Amino acid sequence: IAYLDIDEMVVAFTIDDGFCGADNPDGDMTEEVGALFKKYDAQATFFVTGSHCMHTDKEKIENLLEDGHELANHGMYDWPYNNYSEQEFIDDFKRTDIILKQYTEQIPTWYRAPHAKLSKTMQSVLDDRGYTHVVCDGFANDTEIPDPQWISKYILKRVKPGSIILIHMPERGVREWNYQAMELTLKGLKEKGYQITTFSKLYELTQSKE
């Protein structure tokens, strides 16, 4: 799924690679990102990489959940899995799931393949578990372009009702520009009249219309 068909002015905001890289112990910005979304009365789906959880306090993640955000599986590591065998991918998926369930049992059945590389083997494993692969239609290559104004402008120009927006998690010293990109995007979406929510809530809205 790259977007959902809906007439209402609602979009899903997704954040990849939360929360903080294993090699960047002082880079965590979970609290700041949470406060930013609260400022704009917005919620997001955090597609969490299992290895990015070791430097973030559990309380900070639980606070996100209390504010209406959700966690979803993004694999253990920020690398492609399309050449993994079935068992290797299953093992990785399960390891990530165990980590996420330290914070909540309410893990939705969404998965996002790192680097958007999905093999037939991966798809088969997801199908067996009742998971849906969720990508996006609003992404501005924010891992490579350190220009928050350009990132937000690119996304806002293309957004439509039912869009799935992606901005990668900022860290101090790593993609830190994405914090400003998030704020500019959230501000722009609100000015356009959009409600900003999790993918699960957007999906529920589309199902209720059927």
N, C-alpha and C. Protein backbone atom coordinates (compact mmCIF):
# COMPACT_ATOMS: atom_id res chain seq x y z
N ILE A 1 0.85 -1.19 0.00
CA ILE A 1 0.00 0.00 0.00
C ILE A 1 0.89 1.24 0.00
N ALA A 2 0.66 2.14 -0.97
CA ALA A 2 1.43 3.38 -1.04
C ALA A 2 0.58 4.60 -0.65
N TYR A 3 -0.73 4.47 -0.75
CA TYR A 3 -1.66 5.51 -0.31
C TYR A 3 -3.02 4.85 -0.17
N LEU A 4 -3.96 5.55 0.42
CA LEU A 4 -5.31 5.01 0.59
C LEU A 4 -6.33 5.96 -0.04
N ASP A 5 -7.37 5.39 -0.60
CA ASP A 5 -8.39 6.16 -1.32
C ASP A 5 -9.42 6.69 -0.32
N ILE A 6 -9.39 7.98 -0.10
CA ILE A 6 -10.32 8.59 0.86
C ILE A 6 -10.57 10.04 0.44
N ASP A 7 -11.78 10.51 0.66
CA ASP A 7 -12.12 11.88 0.29
C ASP A 7 -11.77 12.89 1.38
N GLU A 8 -11.82 12.44 2.63
CA GLU A 8 -11.55 13.34 3.75
C GLU A 8 -10.09 13.83 3.74
N MET A 9 -9.91 15.00 4.31
CA MET A 9 -8.57 15.60 4.37
C MET A 9 -7.78 14.97 5.52
N VAL A 10 -7.36 13.74 5.30
CA VAL A 10 -6.60 13.01 6.31
C VAL A 10 -5.39 12.36 5.64
N VAL A 11 -4.24 12.42 6.31
CA VAL A 11 -3.04 11.74 5.82
C VAL A 11 -2.41 10.96 6.97
N ALA A 12 -1.62 9.97 6.61
CA ALA A 12 -0.84 9.22 7.60
C ALA A 12 0.60 9.73 7.55
N PHE A 13 1.16 9.96 8.73
CA PHE A 13 2.56 10.35 8.83
C PHE A 13 3.34 9.15 9.35
N THR A 14 4.39 8.75 8.65
CA THR A 14 5.20 7.62 9.09
C THR A 14 6.65 8.07 9.26
N ILE A 15 7.31 7.47 10.26
CA ILE A 15 8.69 7.82 10.60
C ILE A 15 9.50 6.53 10.62
N ASP A 16 10.54 6.46 9.81
CA ASP A 16 11.36 5.25 9.71
C ASP A 16 12.62 5.33 10.57
N ASP A 17 13.08 4.16 10.98
CA ASP A 17 14.37 3.97 11.68
C ASP A 17 14.38 4.54 13.09
N GLY A 18 13.22 4.70 13.70
CA GLY A 18 13.24 5.10 15.11
C GLY A 18 13.88 3.99 15.92
N PHE A 19 14.60 4.33 17.01
CA PHE A 19 14.57 5.69 17.56
C PHE A 19 15.95 6.37 17.47
N CYS A 20 16.98 5.58 17.66
CA CYS A 20 18.33 6.14 17.69
C CYS A 20 19.33 5.04 17.33
N GLY A 21 20.22 5.33 16.39
CA GLY A 21 21.17 4.33 15.90
C GLY A 21 22.06 3.74 16.98
N ALA A 22 22.37 2.48 16.83
CA ALA A 22 23.23 1.79 17.79
C ALA A 22 24.60 2.44 17.90
N ASP A 23 25.03 3.09 16.83
CA ASP A 23 26.35 3.73 16.79
C ASP A 23 26.30 5.21 17.16
N ASN A 24 25.16 5.66 17.67
CA ASN A 24 25.00 7.09 17.99
C ASN A 24 24.32 7.24 19.36
N PRO A 25 25.00 6.81 20.43
CA PRO A 25 24.35 6.72 21.75
C PRO A 25 23.83 8.03 22.30
N ASP A 26 24.37 9.16 21.85
CA ASP A 26 23.93 10.45 22.37
C ASP A 26 23.01 11.19 21.39
N GLY A 27 22.51 10.46 20.39
CA GLY A 27 21.76 11.13 19.34
C GLY A 27 20.25 11.13 19.48
N ASP A 28 19.73 10.53 20.54
CA ASP A 28 18.28 10.33 20.63
C ASP A 28 17.49 11.64 20.66
N MET A 29 16.48 11.74 19.78
CA MET A 29 15.61 12.92 19.73
C MET A 29 14.14 12.53 19.86
N THR A 30 13.88 11.38 20.48
CA THR A 30 12.51 10.88 20.60
C THR A 30 11.62 11.88 21.34
N GLU A 31 12.12 12.43 22.42
CA GLU A 31 11.33 13.37 23.21
C GLU A 31 10.98 14.62 22.41
N GLU A 32 11.97 15.14 21.68
CA GLU A 32 11.74 16.34 20.88
C GLU A 32 10.73 16.09 19.76
N VAL A 33 10.84 14.93 19.11
CA VAL A 33 9.91 14.61 18.03
C VAL A 33 8.49 14.44 18.59
N GLY A 34 8.38 13.79 19.74
CA GLY A 34 7.08 13.63 20.38
C GLY A 34 6.43 14.97 20.70
N ALA A 35 7.23 15.90 21.24
CA ALA A 35 6.72 17.23 21.57
C ALA A 35 6.30 17.99 20.31
N LEU A 36 7.05 17.81 19.24
CA LEU A 36 6.72 18.48 17.99
C LEU A 36 5.37 18.02 17.45
N PHE A 37 5.13 16.71 17.48
CA PHE A 37 3.85 16.20 16.98
C PHE A 37 2.70 16.63 17.88
N LYS A 38 2.95 16.70 19.17
CA LYS A 38 1.90 17.16 20.10
C LYS A 38 1.55 18.62 19.80
N LYS A 39 2.55 19.42 19.47
CA LYS A 39 2.32 20.83 19.14
C LYS A 39 1.35 20.98 17.98
N TYR A 40 1.43 20.06 17.01
CA TYR A 40 0.57 20.15 15.83
C TYR A 40 -0.60 19.17 15.89
N ASP A 41 -0.88 18.65 17.08
CA ASP A 41 -2.00 17.73 17.27
C ASP A 41 -1.98 16.63 16.22
N ALA A 42 -0.83 15.97 16.09
CA ALA A 42 -0.61 14.97 15.05
C ALA A 42 -0.07 13.69 15.67
N GLN A 43 -0.34 12.57 15.00
CA GLN A 43 0.20 11.27 15.41
C GLN A 43 0.90 10.62 14.23
N ALA A 44 1.81 9.69 14.54
CA ALA A 44 2.57 9.03 13.49
C ALA A 44 2.71 7.54 13.78
N THR A 45 2.98 6.79 12.72
CA THR A 45 3.38 5.40 12.84
C THR A 45 4.90 5.36 12.75
N PHE A 46 5.53 4.89 13.83
CA PHE A 46 6.98 4.74 13.84
C PHE A 46 7.33 3.34 13.34
N PHE A 47 7.90 3.25 12.14
CA PHE A 47 8.40 1.98 11.65
C PHE A 47 9.79 1.79 12.25
N VAL A 48 9.83 0.95 13.28
CA VAL A 48 10.98 0.88 14.16
C VAL A 48 11.97 -0.20 13.73
N THR A 49 13.23 0.18 13.67
CA THR A 49 14.32 -0.76 13.45
C THR A 49 14.78 -1.28 14.80
N GLY A 50 14.78 -2.60 14.98
CA GLY A 50 15.07 -3.20 16.29
C GLY A 50 16.37 -2.73 16.91
N SER A 51 17.40 -2.58 16.09
CA SER A 51 18.71 -2.16 16.60
C SER A 51 18.75 -0.69 17.00
N HIS A 52 17.70 0.06 16.71
CA HIS A 52 17.65 1.48 17.04
C HIS A 52 16.92 1.76 18.35
N CYS A 53 16.79 0.74 19.18
CA CYS A 53 16.05 0.91 20.44
C CYS A 53 16.94 0.94 21.68
N MET A 54 18.20 0.64 21.55
CA MET A 54 19.04 0.43 22.74
C MET A 54 19.43 1.72 23.46
N HIS A 55 19.34 2.87 22.79
CA HIS A 55 19.75 4.12 23.43
C HIS A 55 18.58 5.04 23.76
N THR A 56 17.36 4.50 23.74
CA THR A 56 16.17 5.30 24.03
C THR A 56 15.47 4.76 25.26
N ASP A 57 15.21 5.63 26.23
CA ASP A 57 14.54 5.22 27.45
C ASP A 57 13.15 4.67 27.14
N LYS A 58 12.80 3.58 27.79
CA LYS A 58 11.50 2.96 27.60
C LYS A 58 10.38 3.95 27.88
N GLU A 59 10.57 4.79 28.88
CA GLU A 59 9.54 5.77 29.25
C GLU A 59 9.23 6.72 28.10
N LYS A 60 10.25 7.11 27.34
CA LYS A 60 10.03 8.02 26.22
C LYS A 60 9.17 7.36 25.14
N ILE A 61 9.40 6.08 24.90
CA ILE A 61 8.63 5.35 23.90
C ILE A 61 7.20 5.15 24.40
N GLU A 62 7.05 4.84 25.68
CA GLU A 62 5.71 4.68 26.25
C GLU A 62 4.94 5.99 26.19
N ASN A 63 5.63 7.11 26.35
CA ASN A 63 4.97 8.42 26.24
C ASN A 63 4.43 8.65 24.82
N LEU A 64 5.19 8.20 23.83
CA LEU A 64 4.71 8.29 22.45
C LEU A 64 3.41 7.51 22.27
N LEU A 65 3.39 6.31 22.81
CA LEU A 65 2.20 5.46 22.71
C LEU A 65 1.01 6.10 23.40
N GLU A 66 1.25 6.71 24.56
CA GLU A 66 0.17 7.38 25.30
C GLU A 66 -0.39 8.57 24.51
N ASP A 67 0.46 9.17 23.67
CA ASP A 67 0.03 10.32 22.87
C ASP A 67 -0.65 9.89 21.57
N GLY A 68 -0.82 8.58 21.37
CA GLY A 68 -1.57 8.12 20.20
C GLY A 68 -0.74 7.66 19.03
N HIS A 69 0.58 7.65 19.17
CA HIS A 69 1.44 7.13 18.11
C HIS A 69 1.43 5.60 18.16
N GLU A 70 1.96 4.97 17.12
CA GLU A 70 2.05 3.51 17.12
C GLU A 70 3.42 3.07 16.60
N LEU A 71 3.79 1.84 16.98
CA LEU A 71 5.05 1.23 16.55
C LEU A 71 4.75 0.12 15.56
N ALA A 72 5.59 0.00 14.53
CA ALA A 72 5.43 -1.07 13.55
C ALA A 72 6.80 -1.61 13.16
N ASN A 73 6.81 -2.82 12.61
CA ASN A 73 8.03 -3.56 12.34
C ASN A 73 8.73 -3.05 11.07
N HIS A 74 10.03 -2.74 11.23
CA HIS A 74 10.87 -2.26 10.12
C HIS A 74 12.16 -3.06 10.01
N GLY A 75 12.14 -4.28 10.63
CA GLY A 75 13.34 -5.12 10.59
C GLY A 75 14.34 -4.73 11.66
N MET A 76 15.31 -5.60 11.89
CA MET A 76 16.30 -5.35 12.93
C MET A 76 17.32 -4.28 12.53
N TYR A 77 17.64 -4.22 11.25
CA TYR A 77 18.73 -3.35 10.80
C TYR A 77 18.32 -2.53 9.59
N ASP A 78 18.99 -1.42 9.41
CA ASP A 78 18.68 -0.53 8.29
C ASP A 78 19.47 -0.97 7.05
N TRP A 79 19.08 -2.15 6.55
CA TRP A 79 19.67 -2.64 5.31
C TRP A 79 18.65 -3.51 4.59
N PRO A 80 18.84 -3.75 3.31
CA PRO A 80 17.87 -4.55 2.55
C PRO A 80 17.86 -6.00 2.98
N TYR A 81 16.67 -6.62 2.90
CA TYR A 81 16.49 -8.03 3.26
C TYR A 81 16.08 -8.88 2.05
N ASN A 82 16.12 -8.28 0.87
CA ASN A 82 15.57 -8.98 -0.29
C ASN A 82 16.40 -10.19 -0.74
N ASN A 83 17.62 -10.33 -0.21
CA ASN A 83 18.42 -11.52 -0.52
C ASN A 83 18.45 -12.52 0.63
N TYR A 84 17.67 -12.25 1.68
CA TYR A 84 17.60 -13.18 2.82
C TYR A 84 16.81 -14.44 2.43
N SER A 85 17.20 -15.54 3.02
CA SER A 85 16.40 -16.76 2.88
C SER A 85 15.13 -16.61 3.69
N GLU A 86 14.19 -17.50 3.50
CA GLU A 86 12.94 -17.45 4.25
C GLU A 86 13.19 -17.50 5.75
N GLN A 87 14.02 -18.44 6.19
CA GLN A 87 14.26 -18.58 7.62
C GLN A 87 15.02 -17.39 8.19
N GLU A 88 15.96 -16.86 7.44
CA GLU A 88 16.69 -15.67 7.90
C GLU A 88 15.75 -14.49 8.08
N PHE A 89 14.84 -14.32 7.15
CA PHE A 89 13.90 -13.21 7.25
C PHE A 89 12.92 -13.41 8.41
N ILE A 90 12.44 -14.64 8.57
CA ILE A 90 11.55 -14.95 9.69
C ILE A 90 12.23 -14.65 11.02
N ASP A 91 13.49 -15.07 11.16
CA ASP A 91 14.22 -14.84 12.41
C ASP A 91 14.38 -13.35 12.69
N ASP A 92 14.69 -12.58 11.65
CA ASP A 92 14.85 -11.13 11.81
C ASP A 92 13.53 -10.49 12.19
N PHE A 93 12.47 -10.88 11.51
CA PHE A 93 11.13 -10.35 11.80
C PHE A 93 10.76 -10.62 13.25
N LYS A 94 10.98 -11.85 13.71
CA LYS A 94 10.63 -12.22 15.08
C LYS A 94 11.45 -11.46 16.11
N ARG A 95 12.74 -11.27 15.85
CA ARG A 95 13.60 -10.52 16.78
C ARG A 95 13.08 -9.10 16.96
N THR A 96 12.71 -8.48 15.83
CA THR A 96 12.19 -7.12 15.90
C THR A 96 10.87 -7.08 16.66
N ASP A 97 10.01 -8.03 16.39
CA ASP A 97 8.70 -8.10 17.04
C ASP A 97 8.85 -8.24 18.56
N ILE A 98 9.79 -9.05 19.00
CA ILE A 98 10.04 -9.23 20.44
C ILE A 98 10.46 -7.91 21.08
N ILE A 99 11.31 -7.16 20.39
CA ILE A 99 11.76 -5.87 20.91
C ILE A 99 10.58 -4.90 21.02
N LEU A 100 9.77 -4.82 19.98
CA LEU A 100 8.64 -3.90 19.99
C LEU A 100 7.65 -4.24 21.10
N LYS A 101 7.49 -5.52 21.38
CA LYS A 101 6.54 -5.94 22.39
C LYS A 101 7.03 -5.72 23.82
N GLN A 102 8.26 -5.20 23.96
CA GLN A 102 8.70 -4.71 25.27
C GLN A 102 7.92 -3.44 25.65
N TYR A 103 7.42 -2.74 24.64
CA TYR A 103 6.75 -1.47 24.87
C TYR A 103 5.23 -1.58 24.84
N THR A 104 4.72 -2.48 24.01
CA THR A 104 3.27 -2.65 23.89
C THR A 104 2.96 -3.96 23.17
N GLU A 105 1.84 -4.55 23.54
CA GLU A 105 1.38 -5.74 22.82
C GLU A 105 0.58 -5.35 21.58
N GLN A 106 0.25 -4.07 21.48
CA GLN A 106 -0.59 -3.60 20.37
C GLN A 106 0.27 -3.21 19.17
N ILE A 107 0.87 -4.21 18.55
CA ILE A 107 1.67 -3.98 17.35
C ILE A 107 0.78 -4.26 16.13
N PRO A 108 0.57 -3.27 15.27
CA PRO A 108 -0.30 -3.48 14.11
C PRO A 108 0.36 -4.39 13.06
N THR A 109 -0.44 -4.93 12.18
CA THR A 109 0.06 -5.88 11.18
C THR A 109 0.53 -5.15 9.92
N TRP A 110 1.39 -4.15 10.13
CA TRP A 110 2.01 -3.43 9.02
C TRP A 110 3.51 -3.72 9.06
N TYR A 111 4.12 -3.80 7.90
CA TYR A 111 5.57 -3.96 7.81
C TYR A 111 6.08 -3.03 6.71
N ARG A 112 7.26 -2.47 6.93
CA ARG A 112 7.91 -1.68 5.88
C ARG A 112 9.31 -2.23 5.68
N ALA A 113 9.58 -2.68 4.47
CA ALA A 113 10.90 -3.23 4.15
C ALA A 113 11.93 -2.09 4.08
N PRO A 114 13.05 -2.21 4.81
CA PRO A 114 14.10 -1.20 4.69
C PRO A 114 14.52 -1.03 3.23
N HIS A 115 14.75 0.22 2.85
CA HIS A 115 15.14 0.59 1.48
C HIS A 115 14.05 0.21 0.46
N ALA A 116 12.86 -0.12 0.97
CA ALA A 116 11.70 -0.47 0.12
C ALA A 116 11.99 -1.66 -0.80
N LYS A 117 12.90 -2.52 -0.39
CA LYS A 117 13.26 -3.70 -1.20
C LYS A 117 12.55 -4.93 -0.65
N LEU A 118 11.56 -5.38 -1.41
CA LEU A 118 10.70 -6.49 -0.99
C LEU A 118 10.82 -7.63 -1.99
N SER A 119 11.24 -8.79 -1.50
CA SER A 119 11.35 -9.96 -2.37
C SER A 119 10.08 -10.81 -2.29
N LYS A 120 9.95 -11.76 -3.20
CA LYS A 120 8.82 -12.68 -3.15
C LYS A 120 8.86 -13.51 -1.87
N THR A 121 10.06 -13.85 -1.42
CA THR A 121 10.21 -14.60 -0.16
C THR A 121 9.69 -13.79 1.01
N MET A 122 10.09 -12.52 1.07
CA MET A 122 9.61 -11.65 2.14
C MET A 122 8.10 -11.51 2.09
N GLN A 123 7.56 -11.30 0.89
CA GLN A 123 6.11 -11.14 0.75
C GLN A 123 5.37 -12.38 1.22
N SER A 124 5.92 -13.54 0.90
CA SER A 124 5.29 -14.80 1.31
C SER A 124 5.24 -14.93 2.84
N VAL A 125 6.34 -14.54 3.50
CA VAL A 125 6.39 -14.60 4.96
C VAL A 125 5.38 -13.63 5.56
N LEU A 126 5.29 -12.43 5.00
CA LEU A 126 4.33 -11.44 5.49
C LEU A 126 2.90 -11.94 5.27
N ASP A 127 2.64 -12.53 4.11
CA ASP A 127 1.30 -13.06 3.83
C ASP A 127 0.92 -14.14 4.84
N ASP A 128 1.87 -15.01 5.16
CA ASP A 128 1.61 -16.10 6.11
C ASP A 128 1.23 -15.57 7.49
N ARG A 129 1.74 -14.39 7.82
CA ARG A 129 1.48 -13.80 9.13
C ARG A 129 0.37 -12.76 9.11
N GLY A 130 -0.23 -12.56 7.97
CA GLY A 130 -1.31 -11.59 7.87
C GLY A 130 -0.86 -10.15 7.88
N TYR A 131 0.40 -9.90 7.47
CA TYR A 131 0.95 -8.54 7.46
C TYR A 131 0.84 -7.92 6.07
N THR A 132 0.71 -6.60 6.04
CA THR A 132 0.65 -5.84 4.80
C THR A 132 1.90 -4.97 4.68
N HIS A 133 2.48 -4.95 3.49
CA HIS A 133 3.64 -4.10 3.26
C HIS A 133 3.18 -2.68 2.94
N VAL A 134 3.65 -1.73 3.73
CA VAL A 134 3.22 -0.33 3.60
C VAL A 134 4.41 0.52 3.18
N VAL A 135 4.27 1.20 2.04
CA VAL A 135 5.31 2.12 1.60
C VAL A 135 4.77 3.54 1.73
N CYS A 136 4.94 4.39 0.73
CA CYS A 136 4.49 5.78 0.87
C CYS A 136 4.39 6.43 -0.50
N ASP A 137 3.71 7.56 -0.54
CA ASP A 137 3.67 8.37 -1.76
C ASP A 137 4.19 9.77 -1.51
N GLY A 138 4.69 10.02 -0.28
CA GLY A 138 5.23 11.33 0.05
C GLY A 138 6.58 11.20 0.73
N PHE A 139 7.64 11.13 -0.09
CA PHE A 139 9.00 10.96 0.42
C PHE A 139 9.95 11.79 -0.43
N ALA A 140 10.88 12.48 0.22
CA ALA A 140 11.75 13.43 -0.50
C ALA A 140 13.23 13.08 -0.36
N ASN A 141 13.54 11.78 -0.29
CA ASN A 141 14.95 11.34 -0.20
C ASN A 141 15.69 12.07 0.91
N ASP A 142 15.04 12.15 2.07
CA ASP A 142 15.55 12.97 3.17
C ASP A 142 16.81 12.41 3.84
N THR A 143 17.21 11.18 3.51
CA THR A 143 18.46 10.65 4.07
C THR A 143 19.67 11.20 3.34
N GLU A 144 19.46 11.72 2.13
CA GLU A 144 20.57 12.18 1.30
C GLU A 144 20.57 13.68 1.05
N ILE A 145 19.43 14.33 1.27
CA ILE A 145 19.32 15.76 0.93
C ILE A 145 19.14 16.57 2.22
N PRO A 146 20.19 17.23 2.69
CA PRO A 146 20.13 17.96 3.97
C PRO A 146 19.51 19.34 3.84
N ASP A 147 18.29 19.38 3.29
CA ASP A 147 17.62 20.66 3.02
C ASP A 147 16.17 20.55 3.48
N PRO A 148 15.88 20.92 4.73
CA PRO A 148 14.53 20.74 5.26
C PRO A 148 13.46 21.51 4.50
N GLN A 149 13.81 22.70 4.00
CA GLN A 149 12.82 23.48 3.24
C GLN A 149 12.44 22.74 1.95
N TRP A 150 13.43 22.20 1.26
CA TRP A 150 13.16 21.48 0.01
C TRP A 150 12.36 20.20 0.28
N ILE A 151 12.75 19.48 1.34
CA ILE A 151 12.05 18.23 1.69
C ILE A 151 10.57 18.49 1.93
N SER A 152 10.28 19.47 2.77
CA SER A 152 8.88 19.75 3.10
C SER A 152 8.11 20.27 1.88
N LYS A 153 8.74 21.12 1.11
CA LYS A 153 8.09 21.67 -0.09
C LYS A 153 7.75 20.55 -1.08
N TYR A 154 8.66 19.61 -1.25
CA TYR A 154 8.46 18.49 -2.17
C TYR A 154 7.26 17.65 -1.72
N ILE A 155 7.21 17.34 -0.42
CA ILE A 155 6.12 16.52 0.12
C ILE A 155 4.79 17.26 0.00
N LEU A 156 4.77 18.52 0.42
CA LEU A 156 3.52 19.28 0.45
C LEU A 156 2.95 19.50 -0.96
N LYS A 157 3.82 19.57 -1.94
CA LYS A 157 3.37 19.77 -3.32
C LYS A 157 2.62 18.54 -3.83
N ARG A 158 2.97 17.36 -3.32
CA ARG A 158 2.42 16.11 -3.84
C ARG A 158 1.34 15.48 -2.95
N VAL A 159 1.16 16.01 -1.76
CA VAL A 159 0.25 15.38 -0.81
C VAL A 159 -1.19 15.47 -1.30
N LYS A 160 -1.97 14.46 -0.95
CA LYS A 160 -3.39 14.43 -1.28
C LYS A 160 -4.11 13.65 -0.18
N PRO A 161 -5.44 13.73 -0.10
CA PRO A 161 -6.15 12.93 0.90
C PRO A 161 -5.78 11.44 0.77
N GLY A 162 -5.43 10.82 1.89
CA GLY A 162 -5.05 9.42 1.88
C GLY A 162 -3.57 9.17 1.68
N SER A 163 -2.78 10.24 1.56
CA SER A 163 -1.34 10.07 1.36
C SER A 163 -0.67 9.45 2.58
N ILE A 164 0.42 8.74 2.32
CA ILE A 164 1.27 8.19 3.37
C ILE A 164 2.61 8.92 3.26
N ILE A 165 2.90 9.73 4.26
CA ILE A 165 4.10 10.56 4.26
C ILE A 165 5.21 9.84 5.03
N LEU A 166 6.43 9.98 4.55
CA LEU A 166 7.58 9.39 5.23
C LEU A 166 8.68 10.44 5.41
N ILE A 167 9.11 10.60 6.66
CA ILE A 167 10.34 11.32 6.96
C ILE A 167 11.12 10.46 7.96
N HIS A 168 12.40 10.25 7.71
CA HIS A 168 13.20 9.42 8.60
C HIS A 168 13.47 10.13 9.93
N MET A 169 13.61 9.32 10.97
CA MET A 169 13.83 9.84 12.32
C MET A 169 15.12 10.66 12.40
N PRO A 170 15.02 11.89 12.88
CA PRO A 170 16.25 12.67 13.07
C PRO A 170 16.98 12.24 14.33
N GLU A 171 18.28 12.34 14.30
CA GLU A 171 19.11 12.12 15.48
C GLU A 171 20.12 13.27 15.54
N ARG A 172 20.62 13.56 16.71
CA ARG A 172 21.66 14.57 16.81
C ARG A 172 22.89 14.07 16.05
N GLY A 173 23.27 14.83 15.07
CA GLY A 173 24.45 14.47 14.27
C GLY A 173 24.16 13.54 13.12
N VAL A 174 22.93 13.03 13.04
CA VAL A 174 22.55 12.12 11.94
C VAL A 174 21.18 12.54 11.42
N ARG A 175 21.13 13.02 10.19
CA ARG A 175 19.86 13.47 9.59
C ARG A 175 19.13 14.45 10.50
N GLU A 176 19.89 15.25 11.22
CA GLU A 176 19.27 16.15 12.19
C GLU A 176 18.35 17.15 11.49
N TRP A 177 18.63 17.43 10.20
CA TRP A 177 17.80 18.35 9.43
C TRP A 177 16.35 17.88 9.31
N ASN A 178 16.14 16.59 9.52
CA ASN A 178 14.77 16.07 9.38
C ASN A 178 13.83 16.56 10.47
N TYR A 179 14.38 17.02 11.58
CA TYR A 179 13.52 17.58 12.62
C TYR A 179 12.83 18.84 12.09
N GLN A 180 13.61 19.71 11.46
CA GLN A 180 13.01 20.92 10.87
C GLN A 180 12.11 20.55 9.70
N ALA A 181 12.51 19.54 8.92
CA ALA A 181 11.66 19.10 7.81
C ALA A 181 10.31 18.61 8.32
N MET A 182 10.32 17.91 9.45
CA MET A 182 9.07 17.45 10.05
C MET A 182 8.21 18.64 10.46
N GLU A 183 8.82 19.62 11.12
CA GLU A 183 8.03 20.76 11.58
C GLU A 183 7.43 21.53 10.40
N LEU A 184 8.22 21.77 9.38
CA LEU A 184 7.72 22.50 8.22
C LEU A 184 6.60 21.72 7.52
N THR A 185 6.75 20.41 7.46
CA THR A 185 5.72 19.57 6.83
C THR A 185 4.45 19.55 7.66
N LEU A 186 4.58 19.37 8.96
CA LEU A 186 3.41 19.39 9.84
C LEU A 186 2.68 20.73 9.75
N LYS A 187 3.43 21.81 9.79
CA LYS A 187 2.85 23.16 9.71
C LYS A 187 2.11 23.33 8.38
N GLY A 188 2.76 22.90 7.29
CA GLY A 188 2.15 23.03 5.97
C GLY A 188 0.89 22.20 5.81
N LEU A 189 0.92 21.00 6.37
CA LEU A 189 -0.27 20.14 6.30
C LEU A 189 -1.43 20.75 7.06
N LYS A 190 -1.16 21.31 8.23
CA LYS A 190 -2.22 21.95 9.01
C LYS A 190 -2.79 23.15 8.27
N GLU A 191 -1.91 23.91 7.63
CA GLU A 191 -2.37 25.09 6.88
C GLU A 191 -3.26 24.68 5.70
N LYS A 192 -3.02 23.48 5.16
CA LYS A 192 -3.84 22.96 4.07
C LYS A 192 -5.14 22.33 4.59
N GLY A 193 -5.25 22.20 5.91
CA GLY A 193 -6.47 21.66 6.50
C GLY A 193 -6.48 20.16 6.72
N TYR A 194 -5.30 19.55 6.74
CA TYR A 194 -5.23 18.10 6.91
C TYR A 194 -5.22 17.68 8.38
N GLN A 195 -5.89 16.57 8.65
CA GLN A 195 -5.70 15.84 9.90
C GLN A 195 -4.53 14.89 9.68
N ILE A 196 -3.65 14.79 10.67
CA ILE A 196 -2.42 13.99 10.53
C ILE A 196 -2.47 12.87 11.55
N THR A 197 -2.48 11.64 11.09
CA THR A 197 -2.70 10.53 12.00
C THR A 197 -1.80 9.35 11.68
N THR A 198 -2.01 8.24 12.39
CA THR A 198 -1.25 7.02 12.14
C THR A 198 -1.79 6.31 10.91
N PHE A 199 -1.01 5.37 10.38
CA PHE A 199 -1.50 4.60 9.25
C PHE A 199 -2.71 3.76 9.66
N SER A 200 -2.69 3.20 10.86
CA SER A 200 -3.81 2.38 11.31
C SER A 200 -5.11 3.17 11.33
N LYS A 201 -5.05 4.39 11.83
CA LYS A 201 -6.27 5.20 11.91
C LYS A 201 -6.75 5.61 10.53
N LEU A 202 -5.81 5.92 9.64
CA LEU A 202 -6.20 6.24 8.27
C LEU A 202 -6.85 5.02 7.61
N TYR A 203 -6.26 3.86 7.83
CA TYR A 203 -6.80 2.62 7.26
C TYR A 203 -8.20 2.34 7.79
N GLU A 204 -8.40 2.54 9.09
CA GLU A 204 -9.72 2.33 9.70
C GLU A 204 -10.77 3.25 9.07
N LEU A 205 -10.38 4.48 8.78
CA LEU A 205 -11.32 5.42 8.16
C LEU A 205 -11.75 4.92 6.78
N THR A 206 -10.81 4.38 6.02
CA THR A 206 -11.17 3.89 4.68
C THR A 206 -12.07 2.65 4.78
N GLN A 207 -11.85 1.81 5.79
CA GLN A 207 -12.68 0.62 5.93
C GLN A 207 -14.09 0.97 6.36
N SER A 208 -14.23 1.99 7.16
CA SER A 208 -15.56 2.39 7.65
C SER A 208 -16.42 2.97 6.54
N LYS A 209 -15.79 3.36 5.41
CA LYS A 209 -16.54 3.95 4.30
C LYS A 209 -17.07 2.88 3.35
N GLU A 210 -16.56 1.66 3.50
CA GLU A 210 -16.97 0.59 2.58
C GLU A 210 -18.31 -0.02 2.96
